Amino acid sequence: MKKTIRQLREDRSESEMQLAAALGATRQDIQDLEEGMASPSVERLRLLTEHFGVDETGIDLEPRRPPSLGEHVVDALTK
């Protein structure tokens, strides 16, 4: 089962600051990853998999942005 970075972090009762420190990143970097505003580099993905003890397929990297107004309109029109 894939889990988001936030889910993996929260499963370990880890704060954003603790994860940032473990990865050599900033809290903002972690927030951007968790909110789908950024994708991890290959190196950061490797660090994440090692930190959480999962392989690349265990991390859900899909963006979690809210739908745009246009997407809401299209969704409403297609129902």
PDB file of N, CA and C in Angstrom:
ATOM      1  N   MET A   1       0.838  -1.187   0.000  1.00  0.00           N
ATOM      2  CA  MET A   1       0.000   0.000   0.000  1.00  0.00           C
ATOM      3  C   MET A   1       0.882   1.249   0.000  1.00  0.00           C
ATOM      4  N   LYS A   2       0.607   2.155  -0.905  1.00  0.00           N
ATOM      5  CA  LYS A   2       1.365   3.400  -0.973  1.00  0.00           C
ATOM      6  C   LYS A   2       0.896   4.356   0.112  1.00  0.00           C
ATOM      7  N   LYS A   3       1.827   5.102   0.658  1.00  0.00           N
ATOM      8  CA  LYS A   3       1.498   6.130   1.637  1.00  0.00           C
ATOM      9  C   LYS A   3       2.172   7.425   1.225  1.00  0.00           C
ATOM     10  N   THR A   4       1.549   8.534   1.560  1.00  0.00           N
ATOM     11  CA  THR A   4       2.159   9.829   1.287  1.00  0.00           C
ATOM     12  C   THR A   4       3.292  10.070   2.278  1.00  0.00           C
ATOM     13  N   ILE A   5       4.127  11.026   1.956  1.00  0.00           N
ATOM     14  CA  ILE A   5       5.224  11.379   2.858  1.00  0.00           C
ATOM     15  C   ILE A   5       4.658  11.797   4.208  1.00  0.00           C
ATOM     16  N   ARG A   6       3.577  12.575   4.205  1.00  0.00           N
ATOM     17  CA  ARG A   6       2.957  13.006   5.464  1.00  0.00           C
ATOM     18  C   ARG A   6       2.497  11.804   6.280  1.00  0.00           C
ATOM     19  N   GLN A   7       1.847  10.825   5.639  1.00  0.00           N
ATOM     20  CA  GLN A   7       1.388   9.639   6.360  1.00  0.00           C
ATOM     21  C   GLN A   7       2.562   8.868   6.958  1.00  0.00           C
ATOM     22  N   LEU A   8       3.607   8.695   6.170  1.00  0.00           N
ATOM     23  CA  LEU A   8       4.783   7.987   6.677  1.00  0.00           C
ATOM     24  C   LEU A   8       5.389   8.726   7.865  1.00  0.00           C
ATOM     25  N   ARG A   9       5.474  10.049   7.761  1.00  0.00           N
ATOM     26  CA  ARG A   9       6.044  10.857   8.846  1.00  0.00           C
ATOM     27  C   ARG A   9       5.172  10.769  10.097  1.00  0.00           C
ATOM     28  N   GLU A  10       3.865  10.896   9.911  1.00  0.00           N
ATOM     29  CA  GLU A  10       2.957  10.863  11.058  1.00  0.00           C
ATOM     30  C   GLU A  10       2.902   9.473  11.691  1.00  0.00           C
ATOM     31  N   ASP A  11       3.046   8.417  10.891  1.00  0.00           N
ATOM     32  CA  ASP A  11       3.089   7.054  11.441  1.00  0.00           C
ATOM     33  C   ASP A  11       4.238   6.907  12.437  1.00  0.00           C
ATOM     34  N   ARG A  12       5.300   7.675  12.227  1.00  0.00           N
ATOM     35  CA  ARG A  12       6.464   7.627  13.118  1.00  0.00           C
ATOM     36  C   ARG A  12       6.401   8.691  14.202  1.00  0.00           C
ATOM     37  N   SER A  13       5.293   9.427  14.267  1.00  0.00           N
ATOM     38  CA  SER A  13       5.128  10.537  15.221  1.00  0.00           C
ATOM     39  C   SER A  13       6.289  11.518  15.109  1.00  0.00           C
ATOM     40  N   GLU A  14       6.639  11.803  13.874  1.00  0.00           N
ATOM     41  CA  GLU A  14       7.767  12.675  13.587  1.00  0.00           C
ATOM     42  C   GLU A  14       7.245  14.043  13.143  1.00  0.00           C
ATOM     43  N   SER A  15       7.887  15.094  13.589  1.00  0.00           N
ATOM     44  CA  SER A  15       7.503  16.431  13.157  1.00  0.00           C
ATOM     45  C   SER A  15       8.151  16.744  11.807  1.00  0.00           C
ATOM     46  N   GLU A  16       7.653  17.794  11.165  1.00  0.00           N
ATOM     47  CA  GLU A  16       8.272  18.238   9.918  1.00  0.00           C
ATOM     48  C   GLU A  16       9.727  18.611  10.158  1.00  0.00           C
ATOM     49  N   MET A  17      10.006  19.257  11.282  1.00  0.00           N
ATOM     50  CA  MET A  17      11.373  19.660  11.610  1.00  0.00           C
ATOM     51  C   MET A  17      12.281  18.448  11.798  1.00  0.00           C
ATOM     52  N   GLN A  18      11.788  17.404  12.438  1.00  0.00           N
ATOM     53  CA  GLN A  18      12.597  16.204  12.647  1.00  0.00           C
ATOM     54  C   GLN A  18      12.923  15.529  11.319  1.00  0.00           C
ATOM     55  N   LEU A  19      11.930  15.432  10.441  1.00  0.00           N
ATOM     56  CA  LEU A  19      12.181  14.831   9.134  1.00  0.00           C
ATOM     57  C   LEU A  19      13.152  15.689   8.337  1.00  0.00           C
ATOM     58  N   ALA A  20      12.971  16.998   8.388  1.00  0.00           N
ATOM     59  CA  ALA A  20      13.871  17.908   7.673  1.00  0.00           C
ATOM     60  C   ALA A  20      15.311  17.711   8.145  1.00  0.00           C
ATOM     61  N   ALA A  21      15.501  17.620   9.445  1.00  0.00           N
ATOM     62  CA  ALA A  21      16.845  17.434   9.994  1.00  0.00           C
ATOM     63  C   ALA A  21      17.447  16.099   9.526  1.00  0.00           C
ATOM     64  N   ALA A  22      16.636  15.054   9.510  1.00  0.00           N
ATOM     65  CA  ALA A  22      17.121  13.739   9.091  1.00  0.00           C
ATOM     66  C   ALA A  22      17.522  13.717   7.619  1.00  0.00           C
ATOM     67  N   LEU A  23      16.873  14.568   6.809  1.00  0.00           N
ATOM     68  CA  LEU A  23      17.151  14.582   5.375  1.00  0.00           C
ATOM     69  C   LEU A  23      18.109  15.689   4.962  1.00  0.00           C
ATOM     70  N   GLY A  24      18.502  16.535   5.903  1.00  0.00           N
ATOM     71  CA  GLY A  24      19.341  17.676   5.550  1.00  0.00           C
ATOM     72  C   GLY A  24      18.563  18.692   4.725  1.00  0.00           C
ATOM     73  N   ALA A  25      17.296  18.847   5.054  1.00  0.00           N
ATOM     74  CA  ALA A  25      16.401  19.744   4.320  1.00  0.00           C
ATOM     75  C   ALA A  25      15.858  20.804   5.270  1.00  0.00           C
ATOM     76  N   THR A  26      15.029  21.679   4.743  1.00  0.00           N
ATOM     77  CA  THR A  26      14.359  22.671   5.586  1.00  0.00           C
ATOM     78  C   THR A  26      12.924  22.222   5.832  1.00  0.00           C
ATOM     79  N   ARG A  27      12.309  22.822   6.827  1.00  0.00           N
ATOM     80  CA  ARG A  27      10.895  22.541   7.104  1.00  0.00           C
ATOM     81  C   ARG A  27      10.049  22.894   5.886  1.00  0.00           C
ATOM     82  N   GLN A  28      10.397  23.985   5.205  1.00  0.00           N
ATOM     83  CA  GLN A  28       9.646  24.392   4.012  1.00  0.00           C
ATOM     84  C   GLN A  28       9.774  23.345   2.904  1.00  0.00           C
ATOM     85  N   ASP A  29      10.962  22.743   2.770  1.00  0.00           N
ATOM     86  CA  ASP A  29      11.137  21.670   1.781  1.00  0.00           C
ATOM     87  C   ASP A  29      10.158  20.530   2.059  1.00  0.00           C
ATOM     88  N   ILE A  30      10.033  20.156   3.325  1.00  0.00           N
ATOM     89  CA  ILE A  30       9.140  19.060   3.708  1.00  0.00           C
ATOM     90  C   ILE A  30       7.693  19.449   3.443  1.00  0.00           C
ATOM     91  N   GLN A  31       7.316  20.665   3.806  1.00  0.00           N
ATOM     92  CA  GLN A  31       5.948  21.123   3.551  1.00  0.00           C
ATOM     93  C   GLN A  31       5.647  21.095   2.057  1.00  0.00           C
ATOM     94  N   ASP A  32       6.586  21.558   1.243  1.00  0.00           N
ATOM     95  CA  ASP A  32       6.389  21.573  -0.208  1.00  0.00           C
ATOM     96  C   ASP A  32       6.217  20.153  -0.754  1.00  0.00           C
ATOM     97  N   LEU A  33       6.990  19.207  -0.246  1.00  0.00           N
ATOM     98  CA  LEU A  33       6.852  17.808  -0.668  1.00  0.00           C
ATOM     99  C   LEU A  33       5.495  17.249  -0.260  1.00  0.00           C
ATOM    100  N   GLU A  34       5.104  17.508   0.981  1.00  0.00           N
ATOM    101  CA  GLU A  34       3.851  16.965   1.495  1.00  0.00           C
ATOM    102  C   GLU A  34       2.624  17.575   0.821  1.00  0.00           C
ATOM    103  N   GLU A  35       2.730  18.808   0.389  1.00  0.00           N
ATOM    104  CA  GLU A  35       1.595  19.484  -0.237  1.00  0.00           C
ATOM    105  C   GLU A  35       1.587  19.326  -1.755  1.00  0.00           C
ATOM    106  N   GLY A  36       2.557  18.593  -2.298  1.00  0.00           N
ATOM    107  CA  GLY A  36       2.611  18.372  -3.730  1.00  0.00           C
ATOM    108  C   GLY A  36       3.088  19.574  -4.518  1.00  0.00           C
ATOM    109  N   MET A  37       3.708  20.526  -3.831  1.00  0.00           N
ATOM    110  CA  MET A  37       4.221  21.717  -4.500  1.00  0.00           C
ATOM    111  C   MET A  37       5.609  21.472  -5.094  1.00  0.00           C
ATOM    112  N   ALA A  38       6.244  20.385  -4.685  1.00  0.00           N
ATOM    113  CA  ALA A  38       7.574  20.028  -5.181  1.00  0.00           C
ATOM    114  C   ALA A  38       7.669  18.507  -5.244  1.00  0.00           C
ATOM    115  N   SER A  39       8.527  18.040  -6.106  1.00  0.00           N
ATOM    116  CA  SER A  39       8.816  16.610  -6.195  1.00  0.00           C
ATOM    117  C   SER A  39      10.229  16.392  -5.672  1.00  0.00           C
ATOM    118  N   PRO A  40      10.453  15.261  -5.009  1.00  0.00           N
ATOM    119  CA  PRO A  40      11.800  15.031  -4.486  1.00  0.00           C
ATOM    120  C   PRO A  40      12.792  14.729  -5.605  1.00  0.00           C
ATOM    121  N   SER A  41      14.008  15.184  -5.407  1.00  0.00           N
ATOM    122  CA  SER A  41      15.083  14.809  -6.334  1.00  0.00           C
ATOM    123  C   SER A  41      15.344  13.309  -6.161  1.00  0.00           C
ATOM    124  N   VAL A  42      16.108  12.750  -7.060  1.00  0.00           N
ATOM    125  CA  VAL A  42      16.459  11.328  -6.961  1.00  0.00           C
ATOM    126  C   VAL A  42      17.158  11.062  -5.634  1.00  0.00           C
ATOM    127  N   GLU A  43      18.073  11.950  -5.258  1.00  0.00           N
ATOM    128  CA  GLU A  43      18.803  11.787  -3.998  1.00  0.00           C
ATOM    129  C   GLU A  43      17.871  11.897  -2.791  1.00  0.00           C
ATOM    130  N   ARG A  44      16.974  12.870  -2.827  1.00  0.00           N
ATOM    131  CA  ARG A  44      16.048  13.037  -1.698  1.00  0.00           C
ATOM    132  C   ARG A  44      15.087  11.857  -1.615  1.00  0.00           C
ATOM    133  N   LEU A  45      14.661  11.328  -2.756  1.00  0.00           N
ATOM    134  CA  LEU A  45      13.797  10.148  -2.746  1.00  0.00           C
ATOM    135  C   LEU A  45      14.538   8.967  -2.128  1.00  0.00           C
ATOM    136  N   ARG A  46      15.817   8.818  -2.451  1.00  0.00           N
ATOM    137  CA  ARG A  46      16.624   7.742  -1.850  1.00  0.00           C
ATOM    138  C   ARG A  46      16.694   7.910  -0.342  1.00  0.00           C
ATOM    139  N   LEU A  47      16.912   9.143   0.117  1.00  0.00           N
ATOM    140  CA  LEU A  47      16.971   9.406   1.557  1.00  0.00           C
ATOM    141  C   LEU A  47      15.631   9.115   2.228  1.00  0.00           C
ATOM    142  N   LEU A  48      14.542   9.480   1.557  1.00  0.00           N
ATOM    143  CA  LEU A  48      13.209   9.201   2.114  1.00  0.00           C
ATOM    144  C   LEU A  48      12.973   7.703   2.253  1.00  0.00           C
ATOM    145  N   THR A  49      13.329   6.940   1.217  1.00  0.00           N
ATOM    146  CA  THR A  49      13.098   5.494   1.282  1.00  0.00           C
ATOM    147  C   THR A  49      13.939   4.845   2.376  1.00  0.00           C
ATOM    148  N   GLU A  50      15.173   5.301   2.521  1.00  0.00           N
ATOM    149  CA  GLU A  50      16.025   4.764   3.590  1.00  0.00           C
ATOM    150  C   GLU A  50      15.479   5.160   4.961  1.00  0.00           C
ATOM    151  N   HIS A  51      15.069   6.401   5.091  1.00  0.00           N
ATOM    152  CA  HIS A  51      14.572   6.904   6.380  1.00  0.00           C
ATOM    153  C   HIS A  51      13.326   6.146   6.832  1.00  0.00           C
ATOM    154  N   PHE A  52      12.404   5.920   5.891  1.00  0.00           N
ATOM    155  CA  PHE A  52      11.143   5.268   6.250  1.00  0.00           C
ATOM    156  C   PHE A  52      11.181   3.748   6.093  1.00  0.00           C
ATOM    157  N   GLY A  53      12.261   3.222   5.524  1.00  0.00           N
ATOM    158  CA  GLY A  53      12.371   1.773   5.373  1.00  0.00           C
ATOM    159  C   GLY A  53      11.389   1.198   4.361  1.00  0.00           C
ATOM    160  N   VAL A  54      11.140   1.950   3.296  1.00  0.00           N
ATOM    161  CA  VAL A  54      10.261   1.494   2.218  1.00  0.00           C
ATOM    162  C   VAL A  54      11.013   1.626   0.895  1.00  0.00           C
ATOM    163  N   ASP A  55      10.484   0.992  -0.158  1.00  0.00           N
ATOM    164  CA  ASP A  55      11.085   1.231  -1.463  1.00  0.00           C
ATOM    165  C   ASP A  55      10.300   2.329  -2.178  1.00  0.00           C
ATOM    166  N   GLU A  56      10.765   2.705  -3.359  1.00  0.00           N
ATOM    167  CA  GLU A  56      10.155   3.829  -4.089  1.00  0.00           C
ATOM    168  C   GLU A  56       8.680   3.612  -4.354  1.00  0.00           C
ATOM    169  N   THR A  57       8.278   2.366  -4.521  1.00  0.00           N
ATOM    170  CA  THR A  57       6.871   2.090  -4.815  1.00  0.00           C
ATOM    171  C   THR A  57       5.979   2.241  -3.580  1.00  0.00           C
ATOM    172  N   GLY A  58       6.574   2.389  -2.411  1.00  0.00           N
ATOM    173  CA  GLY A  58       5.797   2.545  -1.190  1.00  0.00           C
ATOM    174  C   GLY A  58       5.444   3.981  -0.865  1.00  0.00           C
ATOM    175  N   ILE A  59       5.982   4.918  -1.650  1.00  0.00           N
ATOM    176  CA  ILE A  59       5.727   6.335  -1.387  1.00  0.00           C
ATOM    177  C   ILE A  59       4.829   6.898  -2.481  1.00  0.00           C
ATOM    178  N   ASP A  60       3.704   7.451  -2.079  1.00  0.00           N
ATOM    179  CA  ASP A  60       2.763   8.081  -2.998  1.00  0.00           C
ATOM    180  C   ASP A  60       3.197   9.525  -3.208  1.00  0.00           C
ATOM    181  N   LEU A  61       3.646   9.849  -4.413  1.00  0.00           N
ATOM    182  CA  LEU A  61       4.138  11.191  -4.708  1.00  0.00           C
ATOM    183  C   LEU A  61       3.139  12.018  -5.510  1.00  0.00           C
ATOM    184  N   GLU A  62       1.899  11.558  -5.598  1.00  0.00           N
ATOM    185  CA  GLU A  62       0.885  12.307  -6.338  1.00  0.00           C
ATOM    186  C   GLU A  62       0.619  13.641  -5.649  1.00  0.00           C
ATOM    187  N   PRO A  63       0.505  14.714  -6.435  1.00  0.00           N
ATOM    188  CA  PRO A  63       0.212  16.020  -5.832  1.00  0.00           C
ATOM    189  C   PRO A  63      -1.163  16.028  -5.169  1.00  0.00           C
ATOM    190  N   ARG A  64      -1.274  16.772  -4.120  1.00  0.00           N
ATOM    191  CA  ARG A  64      -2.509  16.859  -3.349  1.00  0.00           C
ATOM    192  C   ARG A  64      -3.125  18.255  -3.423  1.00  0.00           C
ATOM    193  N   ARG A  65      -2.972  18.902  -4.559  1.00  0.00           N
ATOM    194  CA  ARG A  65      -3.495  20.258  -4.686  1.00  0.00           C
ATOM    195  C   ARG A  65      -5.010  20.216  -4.813  1.00  0.00           C
ATOM    196  N   PRO A  66      -5.688  21.262  -4.346  1.00  0.00           N
ATOM    197  CA  PRO A  66      -7.143  21.300  -4.502  1.00  0.00           C
ATOM    198  C   PRO A  66      -7.502  21.511  -5.969  1.00  0.00           C
ATOM    199  N   PRO A  67      -8.670  21.047  -6.398  1.00  0.00           N
ATOM    200  CA  PRO A  67      -9.070  21.238  -7.785  1.00  0.00           C
ATOM    201  C   PRO A  67      -9.244  22.719  -8.114  1.00  0.00           C
ATOM    202  N   SER A  68      -8.935  23.093  -9.350  1.00  0.00           N
ATOM    203  CA  SER A  68      -9.106  24.476  -9.785  1.00  0.00           C
ATOM    204  C   SER A  68     -10.582  24.756 -10.043  1.00  0.00           C
ATOM    205  N   LEU A  69     -10.923  26.018 -10.209  1.00  0.00           N
ATOM    206  CA  LEU A  69     -12.296  26.401 -10.515  1.00  0.00           C
ATOM    207  C   LEU A  69     -12.741  25.739 -11.814  1.00  0.00           C
ATOM    208  N   GLY A  70     -11.849  25.720 -12.813  1.00  0.00           N
ATOM    209  CA  GLY A  70     -12.171  25.082 -14.079  1.00  0.00           C
ATOM    210  C   GLY A  70     -12.477  23.599 -13.914  1.00  0.00           C
ATOM    211  N   GLU A  71     -11.715  22.919 -13.075  1.00  0.00           N
ATOM    212  CA  GLU A  71     -11.958  21.493 -12.824  1.00  0.00           C
ATOM    213  C   GLU A  71     -13.288  21.276 -12.138  1.00  0.00           C
ATOM    214  N   HIS A  72     -13.660  22.185 -11.228  1.00  0.00           N
ATOM    215  CA  HIS A  72     -14.970  22.107 -10.573  1.00  0.00           C
ATOM    216  C   HIS A  72     -16.092  22.252 -11.591  1.00  0.00           C
ATOM    217  N   VAL A  73     -15.932  23.219 -12.527  1.00  0.00           N
ATOM    218  CA  VAL A  73     -16.950  23.454 -13.543  1.00  0.00           C
ATOM    219  C   VAL A  73     -17.096  22.232 -14.447  1.00  0.00           C
ATOM    220  N   VAL A  74     -15.964  21.697 -14.915  1.00  0.00           N
ATOM    221  CA  VAL A  74     -16.008  20.513 -15.780  1.00  0.00           C
ATOM    222  C   VAL A  74     -16.646  19.357 -15.039  1.00  0.00           C
ATOM    223  N   ASP A  75     -16.291  19.150 -13.789  1.00  0.00           N
ATOM    224  CA  ASP A  75     -16.848  18.070 -12.976  1.00  0.00           C
ATOM    225  C   ASP A  75     -18.363  18.233 -12.847  1.00  0.00           C
ATOM    226  N   ALA A  76     -18.812  19.454 -12.574  1.00  0.00           N
ATOM    227  CA  ALA A  76     -20.249  19.707 -12.420  1.00  0.00           C
ATOM    228  C   ALA A  76     -20.996  19.470 -13.731  1.00  0.00           C
ATOM    229  N   LEU A  77     -20.395  19.839 -14.848  1.00  0.00           N
ATOM    230  CA  LEU A  77     -21.048  19.693 -16.140  1.00  0.00           C
ATOM    231  C   LEU A  77     -21.113  18.234 -16.617  1.00  0.00           C
ATOM    232  N   THR A  78     -20.206  17.422 -16.138  1.00  0.00           N
ATOM    233  CA  THR A  78     -20.163  16.034 -16.590  1.00  0.00           C
ATOM    234  C   THR A  78     -20.964  15.108 -15.691  1.00  0.00           C
ATOM    235  N   LYS A  79     -21.575  15.633 -14.663  1.00  0.00           N
ATOM    236  CA  LYS A  79     -22.401  14.779 -13.778  1.00  0.00           C
ATOM    237  C   LYS A  79     -23.829  14.796 -14.205  1.00  0.00           C
TER     238      LYS A  79
END
